N, C-alpha and C. Protein backbone atom coordinates (compact mmCIF):
# COMPACT_ATOMS: atom_id res chain seq x y z
N MET A 1 111.61 120.00 115.42
CA MET A 1 111.22 118.59 115.35
C MET A 1 110.00 118.45 114.45
N ALA A 2 110.01 117.47 113.57
CA ALA A 2 108.90 117.29 112.63
C ALA A 2 107.69 116.71 113.33
N ALA A 3 106.51 117.09 112.85
CA ALA A 3 105.29 116.45 113.33
C ALA A 3 105.22 115.06 112.74
N SER A 4 104.54 114.14 113.44
CA SER A 4 104.51 112.76 112.97
C SER A 4 103.12 112.36 112.53
N CYS A 5 103.08 111.40 111.62
CA CYS A 5 101.83 110.83 111.13
C CYS A 5 101.99 109.32 111.20
N SER A 6 101.21 108.67 112.04
CA SER A 6 101.41 107.25 112.31
C SER A 6 100.33 106.40 111.67
N PHE A 7 100.74 105.30 111.03
CA PHE A 7 99.81 104.38 110.39
C PHE A 7 100.05 102.98 110.95
N ARG A 8 98.95 102.28 111.22
CA ARG A 8 99.08 100.91 111.69
C ARG A 8 99.09 99.95 110.51
N SER A 9 99.79 98.85 110.67
CA SER A 9 99.97 97.92 109.56
C SER A 9 98.67 97.27 109.12
N ALA A 10 97.68 97.19 110.00
CA ALA A 10 96.46 96.47 109.65
C ALA A 10 95.43 97.31 108.92
N VAL A 11 95.67 98.62 108.79
CA VAL A 11 94.71 99.49 108.12
C VAL A 11 94.63 99.12 106.65
N GLN A 12 93.42 99.08 106.12
CA GLN A 12 93.23 98.73 104.72
C GLN A 12 92.38 99.77 104.04
N ALA A 13 92.74 100.14 102.81
CA ALA A 13 91.94 101.09 102.04
C ALA A 13 92.32 100.99 100.58
N PRO A 14 91.36 101.19 99.65
CA PRO A 14 91.66 101.17 98.23
C PRO A 14 92.32 102.47 97.80
N PRO A 15 92.86 102.54 96.57
CA PRO A 15 93.51 103.76 96.11
C PRO A 15 92.56 104.94 96.13
N LEU A 16 93.10 106.11 96.43
CA LEU A 16 92.32 107.33 96.53
C LEU A 16 92.31 108.05 95.19
N SER A 17 91.12 108.40 94.71
CA SER A 17 91.05 109.17 93.48
C SER A 17 91.49 110.59 93.74
N ARG A 18 92.00 111.27 92.71
CA ARG A 18 92.49 112.63 92.90
C ARG A 18 91.37 113.57 93.32
N SER A 19 90.18 113.37 92.76
CA SER A 19 89.07 114.26 93.11
C SER A 19 88.69 114.12 94.57
N LEU A 20 88.74 112.90 95.10
CA LEU A 20 88.40 112.68 96.50
C LEU A 20 89.43 113.33 97.40
N ALA A 21 90.71 113.20 97.04
CA ALA A 21 91.75 113.80 97.87
C ALA A 21 91.61 115.31 97.90
N ARG A 22 91.35 115.91 96.75
CA ARG A 22 91.19 117.36 96.72
C ARG A 22 90.01 117.78 97.58
N GLY A 23 88.90 117.05 97.46
CA GLY A 23 87.71 117.40 98.24
C GLY A 23 87.95 117.26 99.72
N ALA A 24 88.69 116.21 100.10
CA ALA A 24 88.93 115.97 101.52
C ALA A 24 89.79 117.07 102.12
N VAL A 25 90.74 117.58 101.34
CA VAL A 25 91.60 118.64 101.85
C VAL A 25 90.89 119.97 101.84
N ARG A 26 90.14 120.26 100.79
CA ARG A 26 89.47 121.55 100.69
C ARG A 26 88.44 121.75 101.79
N CYS A 27 87.84 120.66 102.25
CA CYS A 27 86.73 120.80 103.18
C CYS A 27 87.15 121.42 104.50
N ARG A 28 88.43 121.54 104.77
CA ARG A 28 88.87 122.11 106.03
C ARG A 28 88.47 123.57 106.18
N SER A 29 88.20 124.25 105.07
CA SER A 29 87.88 125.67 105.16
C SER A 29 86.38 125.93 105.20
N ALA A 30 85.58 124.87 105.25
CA ALA A 30 84.13 125.04 105.25
C ALA A 30 83.66 125.69 106.54
N ALA A 31 82.44 126.22 106.53
CA ALA A 31 81.86 126.83 107.72
C ALA A 31 80.47 126.29 107.93
N PRO A 32 79.99 126.21 109.18
CA PRO A 32 78.66 125.67 109.44
C PRO A 32 77.59 126.51 108.77
N PRO A 33 76.53 125.86 108.27
CA PRO A 33 75.44 126.64 107.69
C PRO A 33 74.82 127.52 108.77
N GLY A 34 74.69 128.81 108.46
CA GLY A 34 74.16 129.74 109.45
C GLY A 34 75.07 129.83 110.65
N ALA A 35 76.38 129.75 110.40
CA ALA A 35 77.35 129.61 111.48
C ALA A 35 77.38 130.81 112.40
N GLY A 36 77.64 130.52 113.66
CA GLY A 36 77.84 131.56 114.64
C GLY A 36 79.25 131.54 115.15
N GLY A 37 80.17 131.03 114.33
CA GLY A 37 81.57 131.02 114.73
C GLY A 37 81.96 129.77 115.47
N ALA A 38 83.02 129.91 116.29
CA ALA A 38 83.59 128.76 116.99
C ALA A 38 82.60 128.11 117.94
N SER A 39 81.74 128.92 118.59
CA SER A 39 80.80 128.35 119.55
C SER A 39 79.81 127.42 118.86
N SER A 40 79.38 127.78 117.64
CA SER A 40 78.47 126.93 116.89
C SER A 40 79.13 125.61 116.53
N SER A 41 80.38 125.67 116.09
CA SER A 41 81.12 124.46 115.75
C SER A 41 81.29 123.57 116.98
N SER A 42 81.59 124.18 118.12
CA SER A 42 81.79 123.41 119.35
C SER A 42 80.52 122.67 119.75
N LYS A 43 79.38 123.32 119.57
CA LYS A 43 78.11 122.68 119.91
C LYS A 43 77.85 121.48 119.01
N LEU A 44 78.18 121.62 117.72
CA LEU A 44 77.98 120.51 116.79
C LEU A 44 78.93 119.36 117.10
N VAL A 45 80.17 119.69 117.46
CA VAL A 45 81.13 118.65 117.85
C VAL A 45 80.61 117.88 119.05
N LEU A 46 80.10 118.61 120.04
CA LEU A 46 79.56 117.97 121.24
C LEU A 46 78.36 117.09 120.90
N GLU A 47 77.51 117.57 119.99
CA GLU A 47 76.33 116.79 119.59
C GLU A 47 76.74 115.48 118.93
N VAL A 48 77.73 115.57 118.03
CA VAL A 48 78.22 114.35 117.37
C VAL A 48 78.84 113.40 118.39
N LYS A 49 79.63 113.95 119.29
CA LYS A 49 80.29 113.13 120.31
C LYS A 49 79.27 112.39 121.17
N GLU A 50 78.22 113.10 121.56
CA GLU A 50 77.18 112.48 122.39
C GLU A 50 76.41 111.42 121.61
N ARG A 51 76.17 111.69 120.32
CA ARG A 51 75.48 110.70 119.49
C ARG A 51 76.31 109.43 119.35
N LEU A 52 77.59 109.60 119.10
CA LEU A 52 78.46 108.44 118.95
C LEU A 52 78.54 107.63 120.24
N ALA A 53 78.62 108.32 121.37
CA ALA A 53 78.68 107.63 122.66
C ALA A 53 77.39 106.88 122.95
N ARG A 54 76.28 107.47 122.55
CA ARG A 54 74.97 106.86 122.83
C ARG A 54 74.65 105.73 121.85
N GLU A 55 74.95 105.95 120.57
CA GLU A 55 74.55 104.98 119.55
C GLU A 55 75.62 103.95 119.23
N HIS A 56 76.88 104.30 119.49
CA HIS A 56 77.99 103.39 119.17
C HIS A 56 78.98 103.34 120.32
N PRO A 57 78.54 102.91 121.50
CA PRO A 57 79.43 102.91 122.67
C PRO A 57 80.63 102.00 122.54
N GLY A 58 80.57 101.04 121.61
CA GLY A 58 81.67 100.11 121.45
C GLY A 58 82.84 100.65 120.66
N LEU A 59 82.67 101.80 120.01
CA LEU A 59 83.77 102.38 119.24
C LEU A 59 84.89 102.83 120.17
N PRO A 60 86.14 102.73 119.73
CA PRO A 60 87.26 103.13 120.58
C PRO A 60 87.24 104.63 120.87
N THR A 61 87.84 105.00 121.99
CA THR A 61 87.95 106.41 122.37
C THR A 61 89.42 106.83 122.32
N GLY A 62 89.67 108.09 122.63
CA GLY A 62 91.04 108.58 122.61
C GLY A 62 91.42 109.12 121.25
N ARG A 63 92.71 109.17 120.98
CA ARG A 63 93.20 109.72 119.73
C ARG A 63 92.60 108.99 118.53
N ASN A 64 91.98 109.75 117.62
CA ASN A 64 91.33 109.21 116.42
C ASN A 64 90.16 108.29 116.76
N GLY A 65 89.61 108.44 117.96
CA GLY A 65 88.44 107.67 118.37
C GLY A 65 87.18 108.50 118.32
N ARG A 66 86.09 107.96 118.88
CA ARG A 66 84.80 108.64 118.78
C ARG A 66 84.69 109.90 119.62
N ASP A 67 85.66 110.16 120.51
CA ASP A 67 85.62 111.39 121.30
C ASP A 67 86.77 112.34 120.97
N ASP A 68 87.38 112.15 119.80
CA ASP A 68 88.46 113.03 119.35
C ASP A 68 87.85 114.28 118.72
N ASP A 69 87.89 115.40 119.43
CA ASP A 69 87.24 116.63 118.97
C ASP A 69 87.74 117.09 117.61
N ASP A 70 89.06 117.03 117.41
CA ASP A 70 89.63 117.50 116.14
C ASP A 70 89.12 116.67 114.97
N MET A 71 89.08 115.36 115.15
CA MET A 71 88.63 114.50 114.06
C MET A 71 87.14 114.69 113.80
N ILE A 72 86.36 114.85 114.86
CA ILE A 72 84.92 115.08 114.69
C ILE A 72 84.69 116.37 113.91
N LEU A 73 85.42 117.43 114.26
CA LEU A 73 85.26 118.70 113.55
C LEU A 73 85.64 118.56 112.09
N TRP A 74 86.69 117.81 111.81
CA TRP A 74 87.13 117.62 110.43
C TRP A 74 86.05 116.93 109.61
N PHE A 75 85.42 115.89 110.19
CA PHE A 75 84.36 115.19 109.46
C PHE A 75 83.10 116.04 109.36
N LEU A 76 82.84 116.88 110.33
CA LEU A 76 81.71 117.81 110.22
C LEU A 76 81.92 118.76 109.04
N LYS A 77 83.12 119.28 108.91
CA LYS A 77 83.42 120.16 107.78
C LYS A 77 83.26 119.42 106.46
N ASP A 78 83.73 118.18 106.44
CA ASP A 78 83.64 117.37 105.23
C ASP A 78 82.19 117.15 104.82
N ARG A 79 81.29 117.02 105.80
CA ARG A 79 79.87 116.78 105.52
C ARG A 79 79.05 118.06 105.62
N LYS A 80 79.72 119.21 105.47
CA LYS A 80 79.06 120.52 105.48
C LYS A 80 78.24 120.74 106.75
N PHE A 81 78.73 120.20 107.85
CA PHE A 81 78.18 120.38 109.18
C PHE A 81 76.79 119.76 109.37
N TYR A 82 76.49 118.72 108.59
CA TYR A 82 75.27 117.96 108.82
C TYR A 82 75.60 116.83 109.80
N VAL A 83 75.00 116.90 110.97
CA VAL A 83 75.35 115.99 112.06
C VAL A 83 75.10 114.53 111.70
N ASP A 84 73.93 114.23 111.12
CA ASP A 84 73.60 112.84 110.79
C ASP A 84 74.65 112.24 109.85
N GLU A 85 75.04 113.00 108.84
CA GLU A 85 76.02 112.49 107.89
C GLU A 85 77.40 112.34 108.54
N ALA A 86 77.76 113.28 109.39
CA ALA A 86 79.05 113.20 110.07
C ALA A 86 79.11 111.97 110.97
N VAL A 87 78.02 111.70 111.69
CA VAL A 87 77.97 110.52 112.56
C VAL A 87 78.13 109.25 111.74
N SER A 88 77.43 109.19 110.61
CA SER A 88 77.50 108.01 109.75
C SER A 88 78.91 107.80 109.20
N LYS A 89 79.51 108.88 108.70
CA LYS A 89 80.84 108.76 108.11
C LYS A 89 81.90 108.44 109.16
N LEU A 90 81.79 109.06 110.32
CA LEU A 90 82.76 108.79 111.39
C LEU A 90 82.69 107.34 111.85
N THR A 91 81.48 106.83 111.98
CA THR A 91 81.30 105.44 112.40
C THR A 91 81.99 104.49 111.43
N LYS A 92 81.81 104.75 110.15
CA LYS A 92 82.44 103.90 109.13
C LYS A 92 83.96 104.05 109.15
N ALA A 93 84.44 105.28 109.31
CA ALA A 93 85.88 105.51 109.30
C ALA A 93 86.56 104.82 110.48
N ILE A 94 85.98 104.95 111.66
CA ILE A 94 86.59 104.38 112.86
C ILE A 94 86.58 102.86 112.81
N THR A 95 85.58 102.28 112.14
CA THR A 95 85.50 100.82 112.04
C THR A 95 86.16 100.30 110.77
N GLN A 96 86.99 101.12 110.13
CA GLN A 96 87.82 100.72 108.99
C GLN A 96 87.03 100.45 107.71
N ASP A 97 85.97 101.22 107.47
CA ASP A 97 85.33 101.15 106.16
C ASP A 97 86.34 101.66 105.12
N PRO A 98 86.58 100.92 104.04
CA PRO A 98 87.64 101.30 103.09
C PRO A 98 87.52 102.71 102.53
N VAL A 99 86.32 103.10 102.09
CA VAL A 99 86.17 104.42 101.47
C VAL A 99 86.39 105.53 102.50
N GLU A 100 85.75 105.41 103.65
CA GLU A 100 85.90 106.46 104.66
C GLU A 100 87.30 106.47 105.25
N ASN A 101 87.97 105.33 105.20
CA ASN A 101 89.33 105.27 105.71
C ASN A 101 90.28 106.13 104.87
N GLU A 102 89.94 106.32 103.60
CA GLU A 102 90.73 107.22 102.76
C GLU A 102 90.72 108.63 103.34
N LYS A 103 89.53 109.09 103.70
CA LYS A 103 89.41 110.43 104.25
C LYS A 103 90.09 110.52 105.62
N LEU A 104 89.99 109.45 106.40
CA LEU A 104 90.64 109.45 107.70
C LEU A 104 92.15 109.57 107.54
N CYS A 105 92.69 108.90 106.54
CA CYS A 105 94.13 108.97 106.30
C CYS A 105 94.54 110.39 105.91
N VAL A 106 93.76 111.02 105.02
CA VAL A 106 94.06 112.40 104.63
C VAL A 106 93.96 113.32 105.85
N TYR A 107 92.98 113.05 106.70
CA TYR A 107 92.85 113.84 107.93
C TYR A 107 94.11 113.75 108.78
N LEU A 108 94.66 112.54 108.92
CA LEU A 108 95.86 112.36 109.74
C LEU A 108 97.05 113.12 109.16
N VAL A 109 97.17 113.11 107.83
CA VAL A 109 98.26 113.85 107.20
C VAL A 109 98.06 115.35 107.42
N GLU A 110 96.83 115.82 107.21
CA GLU A 110 96.54 117.24 107.42
C GLU A 110 96.80 117.65 108.87
N LYS A 111 96.44 116.78 109.80
CA LYS A 111 96.64 117.09 111.21
C LYS A 111 98.12 117.20 111.53
N ALA A 112 98.92 116.29 110.97
CA ALA A 112 100.37 116.34 111.21
C ALA A 112 100.96 117.63 110.65
N ILE A 113 100.53 118.02 109.46
CA ILE A 113 101.04 119.25 108.84
C ILE A 113 100.65 120.47 109.68
N SER A 114 99.43 120.45 110.22
CA SER A 114 98.96 121.60 111.01
C SER A 114 99.75 121.77 112.30
N LYS A 115 100.41 120.70 112.75
CA LYS A 115 101.17 120.76 114.00
C LYS A 115 102.65 121.08 113.78
N LEU A 116 103.03 121.30 112.53
CA LEU A 116 104.43 121.65 112.27
C LEU A 116 104.77 123.00 112.90
N PRO A 117 105.92 123.09 113.55
CA PRO A 117 106.33 124.39 114.10
C PRO A 117 106.65 125.37 112.99
N SER A 118 106.67 126.63 113.32
CA SER A 118 106.94 127.67 112.33
C SER A 118 108.28 127.43 111.64
N GLY A 119 108.26 127.48 110.31
CA GLY A 119 109.48 127.29 109.54
C GLY A 119 109.75 125.86 109.13
N ALA A 120 109.05 124.90 109.74
CA ALA A 120 109.24 123.49 109.39
C ALA A 120 108.28 123.09 108.27
N GLU A 121 108.71 122.19 107.40
CA GLU A 121 107.89 121.79 106.27
C GLU A 121 107.68 120.28 106.17
N ASN A 122 108.47 119.50 106.87
CA ASN A 122 108.43 118.05 106.71
C ASN A 122 107.74 117.36 107.88
N ILE A 123 107.05 116.26 107.55
CA ILE A 123 106.46 115.43 108.58
C ILE A 123 107.16 114.08 108.60
N LEU A 124 107.04 113.41 109.72
CA LEU A 124 107.64 112.09 109.92
C LEU A 124 106.55 111.04 109.81
N GLY A 125 106.70 110.11 108.86
CA GLY A 125 105.74 109.03 108.71
C GLY A 125 106.20 107.80 109.48
N ILE A 126 105.32 107.25 110.32
CA ILE A 126 105.68 106.08 111.12
C ILE A 126 104.73 104.93 110.80
N PHE A 127 105.29 103.83 110.34
CA PHE A 127 104.51 102.61 110.11
C PHE A 127 104.83 101.64 111.24
N ASP A 128 103.86 101.44 112.10
CA ASP A 128 104.02 100.54 113.24
C ASP A 128 103.75 99.12 112.75
N LEU A 129 104.81 98.34 112.55
CA LEU A 129 104.68 97.00 111.99
C LEU A 129 104.73 95.90 113.04
N ARG A 130 104.63 96.27 114.29
CA ARG A 130 104.58 95.26 115.34
C ARG A 130 103.30 94.44 115.19
N GLY A 131 103.45 93.15 115.17
CA GLY A 131 102.29 92.29 114.99
C GLY A 131 101.88 92.11 113.55
N PHE A 132 102.71 92.58 112.61
CA PHE A 132 102.38 92.45 111.19
C PHE A 132 102.27 90.99 110.81
N ARG A 133 101.21 90.69 110.03
CA ARG A 133 101.00 89.34 109.51
C ARG A 133 100.78 89.42 108.00
N VAL A 134 100.84 88.29 107.34
CA VAL A 134 100.72 88.26 105.88
C VAL A 134 99.41 88.90 105.44
N GLU A 135 98.33 88.64 106.17
CA GLU A 135 97.03 89.19 105.77
C GLU A 135 96.96 90.71 105.93
N ASN A 136 97.92 91.30 106.65
CA ASN A 136 97.97 92.76 106.77
C ASN A 136 98.67 93.42 105.59
N GLY A 137 99.24 92.62 104.72
CA GLY A 137 100.03 93.16 103.62
C GLY A 137 99.15 93.71 102.51
N ASP A 138 98.58 94.88 102.75
CA ASP A 138 97.66 95.50 101.80
C ASP A 138 98.44 96.41 100.84
N LEU A 139 98.81 95.87 99.71
CA LEU A 139 99.59 96.62 98.73
C LEU A 139 98.81 97.81 98.19
N GLN A 140 97.50 97.65 98.05
CA GLN A 140 96.67 98.74 97.54
C GLN A 140 96.72 99.95 98.47
N PHE A 141 96.73 99.69 99.77
CA PHE A 141 96.78 100.79 100.73
C PHE A 141 98.11 101.54 100.62
N LEU A 142 99.20 100.80 100.46
CA LEU A 142 100.49 101.45 100.32
C LEU A 142 100.57 102.27 99.03
N LYS A 143 99.99 101.74 97.95
CA LYS A 143 99.94 102.51 96.70
C LYS A 143 99.14 103.78 96.89
N PHE A 144 98.06 103.66 97.63
CA PHE A 144 97.21 104.81 97.92
C PHE A 144 98.00 105.89 98.67
N LEU A 145 98.77 105.49 99.67
CA LEU A 145 99.57 106.45 100.43
C LEU A 145 100.64 107.10 99.56
N ILE A 146 101.26 106.30 98.73
CA ILE A 146 102.29 106.84 97.84
C ILE A 146 101.70 107.91 96.93
N ASP A 147 100.52 107.62 96.36
CA ASP A 147 99.86 108.59 95.48
C ASP A 147 99.50 109.87 96.23
N VAL A 148 99.02 109.71 97.47
CA VAL A 148 98.64 110.88 98.26
C VAL A 148 99.83 111.82 98.44
N PHE A 149 100.97 111.27 98.84
CA PHE A 149 102.13 112.12 99.07
C PHE A 149 102.75 112.61 97.76
N TYR A 150 102.72 111.76 96.74
CA TYR A 150 103.35 112.14 95.47
C TYR A 150 102.58 113.27 94.78
N TYR A 151 101.26 113.17 94.75
CA TYR A 151 100.46 114.13 94.00
C TYR A 151 100.00 115.34 94.82
N TYR A 152 99.77 115.14 96.12
CA TYR A 152 99.13 116.20 96.90
C TYR A 152 99.99 116.79 98.01
N TYR A 153 101.01 116.05 98.43
CA TYR A 153 101.90 116.57 99.48
C TYR A 153 103.36 116.38 99.08
N PRO A 154 103.75 116.84 97.90
CA PRO A 154 105.14 116.65 97.47
C PRO A 154 106.11 117.35 98.41
N LYS A 155 107.20 116.67 98.71
CA LYS A 155 108.27 117.18 99.56
C LYS A 155 107.84 117.41 101.01
N ARG A 156 106.70 116.86 101.38
CA ARG A 156 106.26 117.00 102.77
C ARG A 156 106.86 115.93 103.67
N LEU A 157 107.19 114.77 103.11
CA LEU A 157 107.76 113.69 103.91
C LEU A 157 109.24 113.93 104.16
N GLY A 158 109.61 114.02 105.43
CA GLY A 158 111.02 114.16 105.76
C GLY A 158 111.70 112.82 105.91
N GLN A 159 110.98 111.87 106.52
CA GLN A 159 111.50 110.52 106.71
C GLN A 159 110.33 109.59 107.00
N VAL A 160 110.53 108.30 106.67
CA VAL A 160 109.51 107.28 106.91
C VAL A 160 110.15 106.17 107.73
N LEU A 161 109.55 105.86 108.88
CA LEU A 161 110.07 104.81 109.75
C LEU A 161 109.21 103.56 109.63
N PHE A 162 109.85 102.43 109.37
CA PHE A 162 109.18 101.13 109.45
C PHE A 162 109.65 100.51 110.76
N VAL A 163 108.75 100.46 111.72
CA VAL A 163 109.13 100.12 113.09
C VAL A 163 108.89 98.64 113.39
N ASP A 164 109.95 97.98 113.87
CA ASP A 164 109.88 96.58 114.29
C ASP A 164 109.29 95.69 113.20
N ALA A 165 109.79 95.85 111.98
CA ALA A 165 109.29 95.03 110.87
C ALA A 165 109.75 93.58 111.04
N PRO A 166 108.83 92.63 111.05
CA PRO A 166 109.21 91.22 111.18
C PRO A 166 109.77 90.68 109.87
N PHE A 167 110.34 89.51 109.93
CA PHE A 167 110.95 88.91 108.75
C PHE A 167 109.95 88.74 107.61
N ILE A 168 108.70 88.42 107.95
CA ILE A 168 107.70 88.16 106.91
C ILE A 168 107.32 89.42 106.14
N PHE A 169 107.78 90.59 106.61
CA PHE A 169 107.50 91.83 105.88
C PHE A 169 108.47 92.02 104.71
N GLN A 170 109.61 91.34 104.73
CA GLN A 170 110.64 91.56 103.72
C GLN A 170 110.17 91.32 102.29
N PRO A 171 109.42 90.24 101.99
CA PRO A 171 108.94 90.06 100.61
C PRO A 171 108.07 91.22 100.14
N MET A 172 107.24 91.74 101.03
CA MET A 172 106.40 92.87 100.64
C MET A 172 107.25 94.11 100.39
N TRP A 173 108.29 94.30 101.18
CA TRP A 173 109.16 95.45 100.99
C TRP A 173 109.85 95.40 99.62
N GLN A 174 110.21 94.22 99.17
CA GLN A 174 110.85 94.10 97.86
C GLN A 174 109.90 94.49 96.74
N VAL A 175 108.61 94.30 96.96
CA VAL A 175 107.61 94.71 95.96
C VAL A 175 107.35 96.22 96.04
N VAL A 176 107.29 96.73 97.26
CA VAL A 176 106.93 98.13 97.48
C VAL A 176 108.07 99.08 97.13
N LYS A 177 109.29 98.69 97.40
CA LYS A 177 110.44 99.60 97.24
C LYS A 177 110.51 100.25 95.86
N PRO A 178 110.35 99.50 94.76
CA PRO A 178 110.41 100.17 93.44
C PRO A 178 109.28 101.17 93.23
N LEU A 179 108.13 100.94 93.86
CA LEU A 179 107.00 101.86 93.70
C LEU A 179 107.27 103.20 94.37
N LEU A 180 108.11 103.19 95.39
CA LEU A 180 108.40 104.41 96.14
C LEU A 180 109.29 105.38 95.37
N LYS A 181 110.06 104.84 94.41
CA LYS A 181 110.97 105.68 93.62
C LYS A 181 111.88 106.49 94.55
N SER A 182 111.87 107.81 94.42
CA SER A 182 112.78 108.63 95.22
C SER A 182 112.45 108.58 96.71
N TYR A 183 111.20 108.24 97.05
CA TYR A 183 110.82 108.17 98.45
C TYR A 183 111.52 107.01 99.17
N ALA A 184 112.00 106.03 98.42
CA ALA A 184 112.64 104.87 99.05
C ALA A 184 113.85 105.28 99.88
N SER A 185 114.51 106.35 99.48
CA SER A 185 115.69 106.81 100.22
C SER A 185 115.32 107.41 101.57
N LEU A 186 114.04 107.70 101.78
CA LEU A 186 113.59 108.29 103.04
C LEU A 186 113.25 107.23 104.09
N VAL A 187 113.21 105.97 103.67
CA VAL A 187 112.77 104.89 104.56
C VAL A 187 113.91 104.45 105.48
N ARG A 188 113.56 104.29 106.74
CA ARG A 188 114.50 103.74 107.71
C ARG A 188 113.81 102.64 108.50
N PHE A 189 114.43 101.48 108.59
CA PHE A 189 113.94 100.40 109.43
C PHE A 189 114.56 100.56 110.81
N CYS A 190 113.73 100.54 111.83
CA CYS A 190 114.25 100.72 113.19
C CYS A 190 113.32 100.04 114.19
N ASP A 191 113.72 100.06 115.46
CA ASP A 191 112.86 99.48 116.49
C ASP A 191 112.18 100.60 117.28
N SER A 192 111.25 100.20 118.13
CA SER A 192 110.46 101.19 118.87
C SER A 192 111.33 101.99 119.84
N GLU A 193 112.40 101.38 120.34
CA GLU A 193 113.30 102.09 121.24
C GLU A 193 113.98 103.26 120.52
N THR A 194 114.35 103.04 119.26
CA THR A 194 114.95 104.10 118.45
C THR A 194 113.96 105.24 118.24
N VAL A 195 112.71 104.89 118.00
CA VAL A 195 111.68 105.92 117.82
C VAL A 195 111.60 106.79 119.06
N ARG A 196 111.56 106.16 120.22
CA ARG A 196 111.44 106.91 121.47
C ARG A 196 112.64 107.83 121.70
N LYS A 197 113.84 107.30 121.49
CA LYS A 197 115.05 108.03 121.88
C LYS A 197 115.49 109.07 120.86
N GLU A 198 115.29 108.79 119.58
CA GLU A 198 115.86 109.67 118.55
C GLU A 198 114.87 110.65 117.94
N TYR A 199 113.58 110.37 118.06
CA TYR A 199 112.61 111.20 117.34
C TYR A 199 111.64 111.97 118.23
N PHE A 200 111.62 111.64 119.51
CA PHE A 200 110.68 112.30 120.41
C PHE A 200 111.34 112.58 121.76
N THR A 201 110.75 113.51 122.47
CA THR A 201 111.14 113.71 123.86
C THR A 201 110.20 112.88 124.72
N GLU A 202 110.48 112.84 126.01
CA GLU A 202 109.63 112.07 126.92
C GLU A 202 108.21 112.62 126.92
N GLU A 203 108.09 113.93 126.69
CA GLU A 203 106.77 114.56 126.72
C GLU A 203 106.00 114.36 125.41
N THR A 204 106.70 114.22 124.29
CA THR A 204 106.02 114.19 122.99
C THR A 204 105.89 112.79 122.39
N VAL A 205 106.52 111.79 122.97
CA VAL A 205 106.46 110.45 122.39
C VAL A 205 105.02 109.95 122.35
N PRO A 206 104.56 109.40 121.21
CA PRO A 206 103.18 108.90 121.10
C PRO A 206 102.92 107.78 122.11
N PRO A 207 101.69 107.67 122.59
CA PRO A 207 101.36 106.64 123.58
C PRO A 207 101.75 105.23 123.15
N ASP A 208 101.62 104.93 121.85
CA ASP A 208 101.93 103.58 121.37
C ASP A 208 103.40 103.22 121.52
N PHE A 209 104.25 104.23 121.72
CA PHE A 209 105.68 103.96 121.80
C PHE A 209 106.27 104.29 123.17
N ARG A 210 105.42 104.51 124.13
CA ARG A 210 105.93 104.74 125.49
C ARG A 210 106.41 103.42 126.07
N SER A 211 107.49 103.47 126.82
CA SER A 211 108.05 102.24 127.40
C SER A 211 107.25 101.81 128.62
């Protein structure tokens, strides 16, 4: 079963430059200055988590929230393990700052790839379009995603689900479809029930799609 990468329709971000994408991916191999291994990283993750809870208690928690250990560690690596910078960047990313949201998106793709079972190469992209409105139609963000997969993750997408797309999404789809080129054949429009039954087990279905 492919790992999934889920995007909400309201997320907005400008196109990602190639240099930024490369830097965001490369930073995963960084190590803490004067590192003492995993224990040192864990302490820094805890410090960032406590800072975010104390200074930004209103930020969401849970998956991709201020207490997500994996995401905190990823941003620490990106900022060369400087806690102050990681806290600043995470705060902006979680509150949908356009520039930091680019890195958050790359993080989600990297996380999905890291969860692929042995021998698997493709990830499942899920666009949750429930509640989509005209003002959510960020064409620049979709172009950004297309560039990310086209230039940096070729052949990684196994399928793309547009879930519960309302009628008002159709005009945007007519604009986006030509931009996708060969990726357009990977797109499937479906409802949330199909996502639950055909793509996940009861244990693995994402919280947003639980009945």
